Amino acid sequence: MNQKILLINGPNLNLLGTREKETYGNISLDDIKKNCEEHCKKIGLELDFMQSNLEGEIVDAIQETRKNHQGIIINAGGYTHTSVAILDALLAVKKPTIELHITNIYKREDFRHKSLISKAADGIICGLGAEGYIMALDGIKKILKK
Protein backbone atom coordinates (compact mmCIF):
# COMPACT_ATOMS: atom_id res chain seq x y z
CA MET A 1 0.00 0.00 0.00
CA ASN A 2 1.39 3.39 -1.03
CA GLN A 3 1.67 6.19 1.47
CA LYS A 4 -0.65 9.09 0.77
CA ILE A 5 0.55 12.70 0.60
CA LEU A 6 -1.44 15.93 0.48
CA LEU A 7 0.24 18.60 -1.65
CA ILE A 8 -1.28 22.00 -0.93
CA ASN A 9 -0.94 25.09 -3.12
CA GLY A 10 -2.06 28.41 -1.70
CA PRO A 11 -3.36 31.67 -3.12
CA ASN A 12 -2.57 32.78 -6.65
CA LEU A 13 -0.68 29.62 -7.53
CA ASN A 14 -3.58 28.79 -9.86
CA LEU A 15 -2.20 31.63 -12.02
CA LEU A 16 1.20 30.01 -12.58
CA GLY A 17 2.26 30.18 -16.20
CA THR A 18 0.39 33.44 -16.72
CA ARG A 19 1.54 35.68 -13.84
CA GLU A 20 4.96 37.20 -13.33
CA LYS A 21 6.70 34.78 -15.66
CA GLU A 22 10.04 36.42 -14.91
CA THR A 23 9.59 35.36 -11.28
CA TYR A 24 7.64 32.09 -11.51
CA GLY A 25 8.41 30.81 -15.00
CA ASN A 26 6.13 29.51 -17.72
CA ILE A 27 4.93 26.26 -16.15
CA SER A 28 1.27 26.03 -15.16
CA LEU A 29 -0.06 24.47 -11.98
CA ASP A 30 -1.73 21.80 -14.12
CA ASP A 31 1.69 20.92 -15.57
CA ILE A 32 3.19 20.77 -12.08
CA LYS A 33 0.35 18.50 -10.98
CA LYS A 34 0.92 16.18 -13.93
CA ASN A 35 4.67 16.03 -13.23
CA CYS A 36 4.02 15.30 -9.55
CA GLU A 37 1.52 12.54 -10.34
CA GLU A 38 3.98 10.89 -12.73
CA HIS A 39 6.80 11.13 -10.18
CA CYS A 40 4.62 9.70 -7.41
CA LYS A 41 3.92 6.63 -9.53
CA LYS A 42 7.69 6.11 -9.89
CA ILE A 43 8.46 6.46 -6.18
CA GLY A 44 5.38 4.72 -4.76
CA LEU A 45 3.40 7.59 -3.27
CA GLU A 46 -0.29 8.32 -3.63
CA LEU A 47 -0.97 12.02 -4.19
CA ASP A 48 -3.82 14.36 -3.40
CA PHE A 49 -3.07 17.72 -5.05
CA MET A 50 -5.06 20.83 -4.22
CA GLN A 51 -5.04 24.59 -4.66
CA SER A 52 -7.09 27.15 -2.80
CA ASN A 53 -7.13 30.90 -2.50
CA LEU A 54 -9.02 30.57 0.80
CA GLU A 55 -7.18 30.21 4.10
CA GLY A 56 -10.02 28.29 5.76
CA GLU A 57 -10.12 25.69 2.98
CA ILE A 58 -6.39 25.11 3.44
CA VAL A 59 -6.84 24.73 7.21
CA ASP A 60 -9.70 22.27 6.64
CA ALA A 61 -7.59 20.24 4.21
CA ILE A 62 -4.71 20.07 6.68
CA GLN A 63 -7.06 18.90 9.43
CA GLU A 64 -8.48 16.23 7.12
CA THR A 65 -5.01 14.67 6.75
CA ARG A 66 -5.53 13.06 10.15
CA LYS A 67 -7.80 10.51 8.48
CA ASN A 68 -5.69 9.02 5.70
CA HIS A 69 -2.57 10.98 4.78
CA GLN A 70 0.91 10.24 6.02
CA GLY A 71 2.54 13.54 5.03
CA ILE A 72 2.03 17.08 3.77
CA ILE A 73 3.83 19.26 1.25
CA ILE A 74 2.71 22.87 1.34
CA ASN A 75 3.38 25.86 -0.88
CA ALA A 76 1.26 28.28 1.11
CA GLY A 77 1.96 31.22 -1.21
CA GLY A 78 1.30 34.54 0.50
CA TYR A 79 -0.17 32.76 3.55
CA THR A 80 3.36 31.61 4.37
CA HIS A 81 4.04 35.04 5.83
CA THR A 82 0.69 35.76 7.47
CA SER A 83 -1.22 32.66 8.56
CA VAL A 84 -1.05 31.62 12.18
CA ALA A 85 -4.13 29.49 11.42
CA ILE A 86 -2.23 27.37 8.88
CA LEU A 87 0.72 27.03 11.28
CA ASP A 88 -1.62 25.94 14.08
CA ALA A 89 -3.30 23.36 11.83
CA LEU A 90 0.05 21.91 10.77
CA LEU A 91 1.21 21.71 14.39
CA ALA A 92 -2.08 20.11 15.45
CA VAL A 93 -2.01 17.26 12.93
CA LYS A 94 1.65 16.40 13.58
CA LYS A 95 2.30 15.02 10.10
CA PRO A 96 5.70 15.05 8.40
CA THR A 97 5.65 18.32 6.45
CA ILE A 98 7.77 19.98 3.80
CA GLU A 99 7.40 23.70 3.16
CA LEU A 100 7.89 24.57 -0.51
CA HIS A 101 8.43 27.79 -2.46
CA ILE A 102 9.10 28.16 -6.17
CA THR A 103 11.20 31.28 -5.61
CA ASN A 104 13.91 31.99 -3.08
CA ILE A 105 11.91 33.93 -0.50
CA TYR A 106 15.14 35.34 0.96
CA LYS A 107 15.96 37.14 -2.30
CA ARG A 108 12.58 38.85 -2.45
CA GLU A 109 10.84 41.60 -0.51
CA ASP A 110 11.71 41.80 3.18
CA PHE A 111 8.23 40.74 4.31
CA ARG A 112 8.71 37.43 2.47
CA HIS A 113 11.82 36.56 4.50
CA LYS A 114 9.69 35.47 7.48
CA SER A 115 7.76 32.23 7.25
CA LEU A 116 5.20 31.56 9.95
CA ILE A 117 4.73 27.96 8.86
CA SER A 118 8.41 26.95 9.00
CA LYS A 119 8.06 26.01 12.66
CA ALA A 120 5.86 23.09 11.58
CA ALA A 121 8.08 21.97 8.68
CA ASP A 122 10.55 19.10 8.76
CA GLY A 123 12.24 20.61 5.71
CA ILE A 124 12.07 23.63 3.45
CA ILE A 125 12.71 23.85 -0.28
CA CYS A 126 12.86 27.25 -1.92
CA GLY A 127 14.27 28.88 -5.02
CA LEU A 128 14.48 25.80 -7.23
CA GLY A 129 11.48 26.57 -9.40
CA ALA A 130 8.89 23.97 -10.28
CA GLU A 131 11.57 21.27 -9.87
CA GLY A 132 11.25 21.90 -6.13
CA TYR A 133 7.96 19.98 -6.19
CA ILE A 134 9.74 16.82 -7.31
CA MET A 135 12.44 17.38 -4.70
CA ALA A 136 9.75 17.80 -2.05
CA LEU A 137 8.15 14.51 -3.05
CA ASP A 138 11.50 12.75 -2.82
CA GLY A 139 12.13 14.43 0.52
CA ILE A 140 8.81 13.46 2.06
CA LYS A 141 9.32 9.88 0.85
CA LYS A 142 12.66 9.75 2.69
CA ILE A 143 11.16 11.27 5.83
CA LEU A 144 8.38 8.67 5.80
CA LYS A 145 10.88 5.81 5.49
CA LYS A 146 12.47 6.76 8.82
C-alpha atoms as a PDB file:
ATOM      1  CA  MET A   1       0.000   0.000   0.000  1.00  0.00           C
ATOM      2  CA  ASN A   2       1.389   3.391  -1.031  1.00  0.00           C
ATOM      3  CA  GLN A   3       1.674   6.189   1.473  1.00  0.00           C
ATOM      4  CA  LYS A   4      -0.648   9.090   0.772  1.00  0.00           C
ATOM      5  CA  ILE A   5       0.553  12.702   0.602  1.00  0.00           C
ATOM      6  CA  LEU A   6      -1.435  15.927   0.478  1.00  0.00           C
ATOM      7  CA  LEU A   7       0.237  18.600  -1.647  1.00  0.00           C
ATOM      8  CA  ILE A   8      -1.284  22.004  -0.934  1.00  0.00           C
ATOM      9  CA  ASN A   9      -0.940  25.090  -3.121  1.00  0.00           C
ATOM     10  CA  GLY A  10      -2.060  28.407  -1.704  1.00  0.00           C
ATOM     11  CA  PRO A  11      -3.361  31.668  -3.120  1.00  0.00           C
ATOM     12  CA  ASN A  12      -2.573  32.780  -6.651  1.00  0.00           C
ATOM     13  CA  LEU A  13      -0.679  29.616  -7.532  1.00  0.00           C
ATOM     14  CA  ASN A  14      -3.576  28.787  -9.861  1.00  0.00           C
ATOM     15  CA  LEU A  15      -2.201  31.630 -12.023  1.00  0.00           C
ATOM     16  CA  LEU A  16       1.201  30.009 -12.580  1.00  0.00           C
ATOM     17  CA  GLY A  17       2.260  30.183 -16.201  1.00  0.00           C
ATOM     18  CA  THR A  18       0.395  33.439 -16.721  1.00  0.00           C
ATOM     19  CA  ARG A  19       1.538  35.682 -13.842  1.00  0.00           C
ATOM     20  CA  GLU A  20       4.957  37.200 -13.325  1.00  0.00           C
ATOM     21  CA  LYS A  21       6.697  34.780 -15.660  1.00  0.00           C
ATOM     22  CA  GLU A  22      10.043  36.416 -14.913  1.00  0.00           C
ATOM     23  CA  THR A  23       9.592  35.359 -11.280  1.00  0.00           C
ATOM     24  CA  TYR A  24       7.642  32.093 -11.507  1.00  0.00           C
ATOM     25  CA  GLY A  25       8.414  30.806 -14.999  1.00  0.00           C
ATOM     26  CA  ASN A  26       6.126  29.509 -17.722  1.00  0.00           C
ATOM     27  CA  ILE A  27       4.929  26.264 -16.153  1.00  0.00           C
ATOM     28  CA  SER A  28       1.271  26.035 -15.157  1.00  0.00           C
ATOM     29  CA  LEU A  29      -0.057  24.470 -11.978  1.00  0.00           C
ATOM     30  CA  ASP A  30      -1.725  21.805 -14.121  1.00  0.00           C
ATOM     31  CA  ASP A  31       1.685  20.923 -15.575  1.00  0.00           C
ATOM     32  CA  ILE A  32       3.193  20.770 -12.085  1.00  0.00           C
ATOM     33  CA  LYS A  33       0.355  18.498 -10.977  1.00  0.00           C
ATOM     34  CA  LYS A  34       0.923  16.177 -13.930  1.00  0.00           C
ATOM     35  CA  ASN A  35       4.673  16.033 -13.230  1.00  0.00           C
ATOM     36  CA  CYS A  36       4.020  15.301  -9.546  1.00  0.00           C
ATOM     37  CA  GLU A  37       1.519  12.540 -10.335  1.00  0.00           C
ATOM     38  CA  GLU A  38       3.983  10.891 -12.725  1.00  0.00           C
ATOM     39  CA  HIS A  39       6.799  11.128 -10.179  1.00  0.00           C
ATOM     40  CA  CYS A  40       4.619   9.700  -7.411  1.00  0.00           C
ATOM     41  CA  LYS A  41       3.924   6.626  -9.531  1.00  0.00           C
ATOM     42  CA  LYS A  42       7.687   6.106  -9.887  1.00  0.00           C
ATOM     43  CA  ILE A  43       8.456   6.455  -6.179  1.00  0.00           C
ATOM     44  CA  GLY A  44       5.382   4.723  -4.757  1.00  0.00           C
ATOM     45  CA  LEU A  45       3.404   7.591  -3.273  1.00  0.00           C
ATOM     46  CA  GLU A  46      -0.289   8.323  -3.626  1.00  0.00           C
ATOM     47  CA  LEU A  47      -0.966  12.022  -4.186  1.00  0.00           C
ATOM     48  CA  ASP A  48      -3.823  14.362  -3.400  1.00  0.00           C
ATOM     49  CA  PHE A  49      -3.068  17.721  -5.052  1.00  0.00           C
ATOM     50  CA  MET A  50      -5.057  20.833  -4.220  1.00  0.00           C
ATOM     51  CA  GLN A  51      -5.045  24.593  -4.659  1.00  0.00           C
ATOM     52  CA  SER A  52      -7.093  27.151  -2.798  1.00  0.00           C
ATOM     53  CA  ASN A  53      -7.125  30.903  -2.500  1.00  0.00           C
ATOM     54  CA  LEU A  54      -9.018  30.570   0.798  1.00  0.00           C
ATOM     55  CA  GLU A  55      -7.181  30.209   4.100  1.00  0.00           C
ATOM     56  CA  GLY A  56     -10.021  28.292   5.755  1.00  0.00           C
ATOM     57  CA  GLU A  57     -10.117  25.689   2.981  1.00  0.00           C
ATOM     58  CA  ILE A  58      -6.393  25.108   3.442  1.00  0.00           C
ATOM     59  CA  VAL A  59      -6.838  24.732   7.215  1.00  0.00           C
ATOM     60  CA  ASP A  60      -9.704  22.272   6.638  1.00  0.00           C
ATOM     61  CA  ALA A  61      -7.589  20.243   4.206  1.00  0.00           C
ATOM     62  CA  ILE A  62      -4.707  20.071   6.680  1.00  0.00           C
ATOM     63  CA  GLN A  63      -7.057  18.905   9.433  1.00  0.00           C
ATOM     64  CA  GLU A  64      -8.476  16.230   7.122  1.00  0.00           C
ATOM     65  CA  THR A  65      -5.010  14.671   6.746  1.00  0.00           C
ATOM     66  CA  ARG A  66      -5.527  13.062  10.151  1.00  0.00           C
ATOM     67  CA  LYS A  67      -7.800  10.505   8.481  1.00  0.00           C
ATOM     68  CA  ASN A  68      -5.692   9.017   5.697  1.00  0.00           C
ATOM     69  CA  HIS A  69      -2.565  10.982   4.780  1.00  0.00           C
ATOM     70  CA  GLN A  70       0.911  10.239   6.016  1.00  0.00           C
ATOM     71  CA  GLY A  71       2.538  13.542   5.032  1.00  0.00           C
ATOM     72  CA  ILE A  72       2.031  17.082   3.772  1.00  0.00           C
ATOM     73  CA  ILE A  73       3.829  19.264   1.253  1.00  0.00           C
ATOM     74  CA  ILE A  74       2.707  22.872   1.336  1.00  0.00           C
ATOM     75  CA  ASN A  75       3.377  25.858  -0.876  1.00  0.00           C
ATOM     76  CA  ALA A  76       1.261  28.279   1.106  1.00  0.00           C
ATOM     77  CA  GLY A  77       1.959  31.218  -1.205  1.00  0.00           C
ATOM     78  CA  GLY A  78       1.297  34.536   0.502  1.00  0.00           C
ATOM     79  CA  TYR A  79      -0.173  32.758   3.546  1.00  0.00           C
ATOM     80  CA  THR A  80       3.360  31.615   4.374  1.00  0.00           C
ATOM     81  CA  HIS A  81       4.040  35.041   5.825  1.00  0.00           C
ATOM     82  CA  THR A  82       0.688  35.756   7.470  1.00  0.00           C
ATOM     83  CA  SER A  83      -1.215  32.661   8.564  1.00  0.00           C
ATOM     84  CA  VAL A  84      -1.051  31.618  12.183  1.00  0.00           C
ATOM     85  CA  ALA A  85      -4.133  29.489  11.422  1.00  0.00           C
ATOM     86  CA  ILE A  86      -2.229  27.366   8.882  1.00  0.00           C
ATOM     87  CA  LEU A  87       0.717  27.032  11.280  1.00  0.00           C
ATOM     88  CA  ASP A  88      -1.620  25.941  14.077  1.00  0.00           C
ATOM     89  CA  ALA A  89      -3.303  23.356  11.828  1.00  0.00           C
ATOM     90  CA  LEU A  90       0.054  21.911  10.773  1.00  0.00           C
ATOM     91  CA  LEU A  91       1.213  21.715  14.388  1.00  0.00           C
ATOM     92  CA  ALA A  92      -2.076  20.109  15.452  1.00  0.00           C
ATOM     93  CA  VAL A  93      -2.010  17.257  12.930  1.00  0.00           C
ATOM     94  CA  LYS A  94       1.653  16.402  13.584  1.00  0.00           C
ATOM     95  CA  LYS A  95       2.299  15.019  10.103  1.00  0.00           C
ATOM     96  CA  PRO A  96       5.698  15.054   8.399  1.00  0.00           C
ATOM     97  CA  THR A  97       5.654  18.324   6.452  1.00  0.00           C
ATOM     98  CA  ILE A  98       7.773  19.979   3.801  1.00  0.00           C
ATOM     99  CA  GLU A  99       7.399  23.702   3.155  1.00  0.00           C
ATOM    100  CA  LEU A 100       7.888  24.567  -0.508  1.00  0.00           C
ATOM    101  CA  HIS A 101       8.433  27.791  -2.458  1.00  0.00           C
ATOM    102  CA  ILE A 102       9.100  28.164  -6.172  1.00  0.00           C
ATOM    103  CA  THR A 103      11.200  31.279  -5.607  1.00  0.00           C
ATOM    104  CA  ASN A 104      13.914  31.994  -3.083  1.00  0.00           C
ATOM    105  CA  ILE A 105      11.909  33.926  -0.501  1.00  0.00           C
ATOM    106  CA  TYR A 106      15.136  35.339   0.963  1.00  0.00           C
ATOM    107  CA  LYS A 107      15.963  37.138  -2.301  1.00  0.00           C
ATOM    108  CA  ARG A 108      12.584  38.851  -2.448  1.00  0.00           C
ATOM    109  CA  GLU A 109      10.845  41.601  -0.513  1.00  0.00           C
ATOM    110  CA  ASP A 110      11.709  41.803   3.177  1.00  0.00           C
ATOM    111  CA  PHE A 111       8.231  40.736   4.312  1.00  0.00           C
ATOM    112  CA  ARG A 112       8.712  37.429   2.473  1.00  0.00           C
ATOM    113  CA  HIS A 113      11.818  36.562   4.502  1.00  0.00           C
ATOM    114  CA  LYS A 114       9.691  35.472   7.478  1.00  0.00           C
ATOM    115  CA  SER A 115       7.756  32.230   7.248  1.00  0.00           C
ATOM    116  CA  LEU A 116       5.200  31.562   9.946  1.00  0.00           C
ATOM    117  CA  ILE A 117       4.729  27.959   8.859  1.00  0.00           C
ATOM    118  CA  SER A 118       8.413  26.946   9.002  1.00  0.00           C
ATOM    119  CA  LYS A 119       8.058  26.008  12.659  1.00  0.00           C
ATOM    120  CA  ALA A 120       5.856  23.087  11.580  1.00  0.00           C
ATOM    121  CA  ALA A 121       8.083  21.974   8.679  1.00  0.00           C
ATOM    122  CA  ASP A 122      10.554  19.100   8.760  1.00  0.00           C
ATOM    123  CA  GLY A 123      12.241  20.612   5.710  1.00  0.00           C
ATOM    124  CA  ILE A 124      12.074  23.632   3.448  1.00  0.00           C
ATOM    125  CA  ILE A 125      12.715  23.846  -0.281  1.00  0.00           C
ATOM    126  CA  CYS A 126      12.863  27.254  -1.922  1.00  0.00           C
ATOM    127  CA  GLY A 127      14.270  28.881  -5.017  1.00  0.00           C
ATOM    128  CA  LEU A 128      14.482  25.802  -7.234  1.00  0.00           C
ATOM    129  CA  GLY A 129      11.476  26.567  -9.400  1.00  0.00           C
ATOM    130  CA  ALA A 130       8.894  23.965 -10.283  1.00  0.00           C
ATOM    131  CA  GLU A 131      11.565  21.269  -9.867  1.00  0.00           C
ATOM    132  CA  GLY A 132      11.246  21.903  -6.132  1.00  0.00           C
ATOM    133  CA  TYR A 133       7.956  19.983  -6.193  1.00  0.00           C
ATOM    134  CA  ILE A 134       9.744  16.817  -7.313  1.00  0.00           C
ATOM    135  CA  MET A 135      12.440  17.375  -4.704  1.00  0.00           C
ATOM    136  CA  ALA A 136       9.753  17.804  -2.050  1.00  0.00           C
ATOM    137  CA  LEU A 137       8.147  14.508  -3.047  1.00  0.00           C
ATOM    138  CA  ASP A 138      11.502  12.747  -2.820  1.00  0.00           C
ATOM    139  CA  GLY A 139      12.125  14.433   0.520  1.00  0.00           C
ATOM    140  CA  ILE A 140       8.808  13.457   2.058  1.00  0.00           C
ATOM    141  CA  LYS A 141       9.320   9.883   0.850  1.00  0.00           C
ATOM    142  CA  LYS A 142      12.660   9.755   2.687  1.00  0.00           C
ATOM    143  CA  ILE A 143      11.163  11.268   5.833  1.00  0.00           C
ATOM    144  CA  LEU A 144       8.380   8.667   5.799  1.00  0.00           C
ATOM    145  CA  LYS A 145      10.884   5.812   5.491  1.00  0.00           C
ATOM    146  CA  LYS A 146      12.472   6.757   8.815  1.00  0.00           C
END
